[in-house]
Amino acid sequence: MDAVIEVQNLSKSFGEEQVLKGVSRDFEIGKIHGIVGNNGSGKTVLMKCICGFLRPNGGRVLVNGKEVGRDMDFPDDLGIIIETPGFLPNLSGMKNLQILASLKKRASTDVIREVIRKVGLDPDSRKPVGKYSLGMRQRLGLAQALMEDPSILILDEPLNGLDKHGVVQIRELIKSLRTEGKTILLASHNQMDIDELCDTVCEMDGGVMTMVRE
């Protein structure tokens, strides 16, 4: 098995509260891996540790064979949606993504336009992001995650706030990303998302991970 993400005996506490309790799991390349669990179960904290946003108290995370927090601060090849994506509210979606893309200079304006269309938004819209609905903001967050063409995507509730049509559209997009060979970690409250999209499913409960479906 080619594991692109390896989580090894990971623990994380905030004060007295232990949020992750010795979580171990290898995530295989080119699959959609579902993570289910209630609010407070530890799934978002796990995702943040994988991305390098939080440092664990014990254990380690390897992404593409390199240890997060030791060999690198943040894995380079990740596209991420965790919680509500933060954008500059007075600028358009296009302008926001252009500013973010200028940091690493990996996504051209043409690529950004294409990816905005792909998630169902209009690249020529002047509407400021502050006037976006939750669903539109979620789509823009997905465009941001995709624009540098990462091989790994960490998606925490990516279908949040979308209407029925939007859910169908973004599910199809996520399936097409797997076809392209991307590895996706997907957290969702919606059982249908998990059933329809995921190759493997594990459950977080009280900081402990169990396999539901291999």
Protein backbone atom coordinates (compact mmCIF):
# COMPACT_ATOMS: atom_id res chain seq x y z
CA MET A 1 0.00 0.00 0.00
CA ASP A 2 1.34 3.43 -0.96
CA ALA A 3 0.48 5.69 1.96
CA VAL A 4 0.71 9.38 1.09
CA ILE A 5 -0.28 10.46 4.62
CA GLU A 6 0.85 8.48 7.67
CA VAL A 7 -0.55 9.36 11.08
CA GLN A 8 1.42 7.61 13.82
CA ASN A 9 0.15 7.44 17.41
CA LEU A 10 -0.98 11.06 17.33
CA SER A 11 -2.15 12.76 20.51
CA LYS A 12 -3.19 16.34 21.11
CA SER A 13 -4.41 18.07 24.26
CA PHE A 14 -5.73 21.53 25.00
CA GLY A 15 -5.07 22.01 28.71
CA GLU A 16 -6.70 19.12 30.56
CA GLU A 17 -8.75 17.99 27.57
CA GLN A 18 -7.23 15.29 25.38
CA VAL A 19 -8.71 15.74 21.91
CA LEU A 20 -6.69 13.09 20.04
CA LYS A 21 -5.81 9.82 21.79
CA GLY A 22 -3.11 7.84 19.99
CA VAL A 23 -4.60 8.07 16.48
CA SER A 24 -2.82 5.95 13.85
CA ARG A 25 -3.87 5.61 10.24
CA ASP A 26 -2.28 5.36 6.78
CA PHE A 27 -4.14 7.12 3.98
CA GLU A 28 -3.54 5.47 0.64
CA ILE A 29 -2.73 7.44 -2.50
CA GLY A 30 -5.44 8.15 -5.08
CA LYS A 31 -8.47 7.45 -2.89
CA ILE A 32 -11.18 9.42 -1.12
CA HIS A 33 -10.94 8.75 2.60
CA GLY A 34 -14.01 9.68 4.64
CA ILE A 35 -13.77 10.80 8.25
CA VAL A 36 -17.04 10.89 10.17
CA GLY A 37 -17.80 11.98 13.71
CA ASN A 38 -19.80 14.45 15.76
CA ASN A 39 -18.67 17.98 16.54
CA GLY A 40 -15.87 17.79 19.09
CA SER A 41 -14.92 14.23 18.08
CA GLY A 42 -11.44 15.34 17.01
CA LYS A 43 -11.70 15.16 13.22
CA THR A 44 -10.99 18.84 12.56
CA VAL A 45 -8.08 18.81 15.05
CA LEU A 46 -6.67 15.74 13.24
CA MET A 47 -6.91 17.57 9.90
CA LYS A 48 -5.20 20.64 11.38
CA CYS A 49 -2.33 18.46 12.67
CA ILE A 50 -1.92 16.90 9.21
CA CYS A 51 -1.78 20.39 7.64
CA GLY A 52 0.73 21.67 10.21
CA PHE A 53 -1.69 24.24 11.68
CA LEU A 54 -1.50 22.52 15.08
CA ARG A 55 1.46 20.76 16.65
CA PRO A 56 0.64 17.42 18.31
CA ASN A 57 1.74 16.64 21.89
CA GLY A 58 2.82 13.15 20.86
CA GLY A 59 3.22 11.01 17.76
CA ARG A 60 3.90 12.29 14.28
CA VAL A 61 2.44 12.94 10.83
CA LEU A 62 4.28 12.11 7.60
CA VAL A 63 3.15 13.55 4.28
CA ASN A 64 4.92 12.15 1.22
CA GLY A 65 7.50 10.63 3.58
CA LYS A 66 8.39 13.90 5.33
CA GLU A 67 7.52 14.71 8.93
CA VAL A 68 5.25 17.71 9.47
CA GLY A 69 6.79 20.11 11.99
CA ARG A 70 10.27 18.66 11.60
CA ASP A 71 11.17 18.30 7.92
CA MET A 72 8.72 21.09 6.98
CA ASP A 73 6.32 23.44 8.75
CA PHE A 74 3.50 22.90 6.27
CA PRO A 75 3.24 20.18 3.61
CA ASP A 76 3.74 21.82 0.23
CA ASP A 77 1.40 19.74 -1.86
CA LEU A 78 -1.89 20.26 0.02
CA GLY A 79 -5.12 21.97 -0.90
CA ILE A 80 -7.17 22.73 2.19
CA ILE A 81 -10.65 23.75 3.32
CA ILE A 82 -10.92 23.77 7.10
CA GLU A 83 -13.74 25.71 8.74
CA THR A 84 -14.97 28.83 6.93
CA PRO A 85 -12.29 30.00 4.49
CA GLY A 86 -11.12 33.56 5.25
CA PHE A 87 -11.20 36.05 2.39
CA LEU A 88 -10.94 39.84 2.05
CA PRO A 89 -14.62 40.84 2.17
CA ASN A 90 -14.43 43.99 0.02
CA LEU A 91 -12.77 42.27 -2.98
CA SER A 92 -14.18 39.93 -5.62
CA GLY A 93 -13.55 36.18 -5.55
CA MET A 94 -11.21 36.47 -8.54
CA LYS A 95 -9.18 39.24 -6.89
CA ASN A 96 -8.93 37.28 -3.63
CA LEU A 97 -7.56 34.22 -5.41
CA GLN A 98 -5.12 36.31 -7.46
CA ILE A 99 -3.69 37.80 -4.25
CA LEU A 100 -3.34 34.34 -2.67
CA ALA A 101 -1.81 32.92 -5.86
CA SER A 102 0.80 35.69 -5.93
CA LEU A 103 2.40 34.22 -2.77
CA LYS A 104 3.69 31.06 -4.47
CA LYS A 105 3.28 32.11 -8.11
CA ARG A 106 2.02 28.68 -9.12
CA ALA A 107 -1.41 29.58 -10.51
CA SER A 108 -1.79 31.88 -13.52
CA THR A 109 -4.83 34.12 -14.04
CA ASP A 110 -6.10 31.68 -16.71
CA VAL A 111 -5.85 28.77 -14.27
CA ILE A 112 -7.68 30.74 -11.59
CA ARG A 113 -10.48 31.65 -14.02
CA GLU A 114 -10.80 28.00 -15.02
CA VAL A 115 -10.94 26.74 -11.44
CA ILE A 116 -13.53 29.39 -10.46
CA ARG A 117 -15.73 28.15 -13.33
CA LYS A 118 -15.12 24.55 -12.27
CA VAL A 119 -16.66 25.17 -8.83
CA GLY A 120 -19.69 26.93 -10.36
CA LEU A 121 -18.82 30.61 -9.85
CA ASP A 122 -18.33 33.41 -12.40
CA PRO A 123 -14.74 34.67 -12.68
CA ASP A 124 -15.97 38.00 -14.10
CA SER A 125 -18.34 38.74 -11.22
CA ARG A 126 -17.49 41.99 -9.41
CA LYS A 127 -19.53 41.00 -6.35
CA PRO A 128 -17.41 41.40 -3.20
CA VAL A 129 -16.91 38.23 -1.17
CA GLY A 130 -18.53 39.95 1.85
CA LYS A 131 -21.85 39.72 -0.06
CA TYR A 132 -21.42 36.01 -0.87
CA SER A 133 -23.80 33.40 0.56
CA LEU A 134 -22.28 30.59 2.67
CA GLY A 135 -22.52 28.26 -0.34
CA MET A 136 -20.70 30.70 -2.64
CA ARG A 137 -17.98 31.20 -0.05
CA GLN A 138 -17.62 27.43 0.23
CA ARG A 139 -17.24 27.15 -3.57
CA LEU A 140 -14.58 29.87 -3.52
CA GLY A 141 -12.77 28.03 -0.73
CA LEU A 142 -12.75 24.91 -2.90
CA ALA A 143 -11.40 26.94 -5.84
CA GLN A 144 -8.61 28.20 -3.58
CA ALA A 145 -7.82 24.62 -2.50
CA LEU A 146 -7.62 23.48 -6.15
CA MET A 147 -5.92 26.39 -7.91
CA GLU A 148 -2.30 25.25 -7.36
CA ASP A 149 -3.17 21.70 -8.49
CA PRO A 150 -2.12 19.89 -5.29
CA SER A 151 -2.01 16.08 -5.23
CA ILE A 152 -3.63 15.94 -1.75
CA LEU A 153 -6.84 17.65 -0.66
CA ILE A 154 -7.99 18.05 2.95
CA LEU A 155 -11.69 18.95 2.83
CA ASP A 156 -13.54 19.59 6.09
CA GLU A 157 -17.29 19.75 5.31
CA PRO A 158 -16.76 21.01 1.72
CA LEU A 159 -20.48 20.70 0.88
CA ASN A 160 -21.60 22.88 3.80
CA GLY A 161 -24.12 25.56 2.86
CA LEU A 162 -24.67 24.30 -0.70
CA ASP A 163 -28.16 23.88 -2.17
CA LYS A 164 -29.20 20.54 -3.73
CA HIS A 165 -27.91 21.47 -7.16
CA GLY A 166 -24.61 22.66 -5.67
CA VAL A 167 -24.18 19.43 -3.70
CA VAL A 168 -24.61 17.31 -6.85
CA GLN A 169 -22.22 19.56 -8.79
CA ILE A 170 -19.46 19.52 -6.15
CA ARG A 171 -19.83 15.76 -5.55
CA GLU A 172 -19.18 15.22 -9.28
CA LEU A 173 -16.18 17.54 -9.08
CA ILE A 174 -14.74 15.61 -6.11
CA LYS A 175 -15.19 12.31 -8.00
CA SER A 176 -13.41 13.77 -11.04
CA LEU A 177 -10.48 14.81 -8.79
CA ARG A 178 -10.10 11.20 -7.65
CA THR A 179 -10.08 10.13 -11.32
CA GLU A 180 -7.16 12.54 -11.80
CA GLY A 181 -5.30 10.57 -9.10
CA LYS A 182 -5.65 12.99 -6.21
CA THR A 183 -5.79 11.77 -2.61
CA ILE A 184 -8.67 13.31 -0.67
CA LEU A 185 -9.48 13.38 3.05
CA LEU A 186 -13.13 14.31 3.40
CA ALA A 187 -14.96 15.06 6.63
CA SER A 188 -18.73 15.25 6.35
CA HIS A 189 -21.82 15.04 8.56
CA ASN A 190 -23.85 13.88 5.58
CA GLN A 191 -24.03 10.08 5.29
CA MET A 192 -24.94 10.32 1.60
CA ASP A 193 -21.72 12.23 0.84
CA ILE A 194 -19.74 9.55 2.64
CA ASP A 195 -21.60 6.63 0.99
CA GLU A 196 -21.41 8.09 -2.51
CA LEU A 197 -17.87 9.48 -2.50
CA CYS A 198 -15.60 7.59 -0.13
CA ASP A 199 -13.42 4.53 -0.77
CA THR A 200 -12.57 4.14 2.92
CA VAL A 201 -14.36 5.45 6.00
CA CYS A 202 -13.15 5.87 9.56
CA GLU A 203 -14.96 7.32 12.54
CA MET A 204 -13.65 9.71 15.18
CA ASP A 205 -15.31 9.52 18.58
CA GLY A 206 -13.89 11.14 21.71
CA GLY A 207 -10.44 11.44 20.11
CA VAL A 208 -10.25 7.77 19.13
CA MET A 209 -10.32 6.58 15.51
CA THR A 210 -11.94 3.33 14.36
CA MET A 211 -12.25 1.92 10.83
CA VAL A 212 -15.78 1.67 9.50
CA ARG A 213 -14.99 0.59 5.94
CA GLU A 214 -11.69 -0.44 4.36
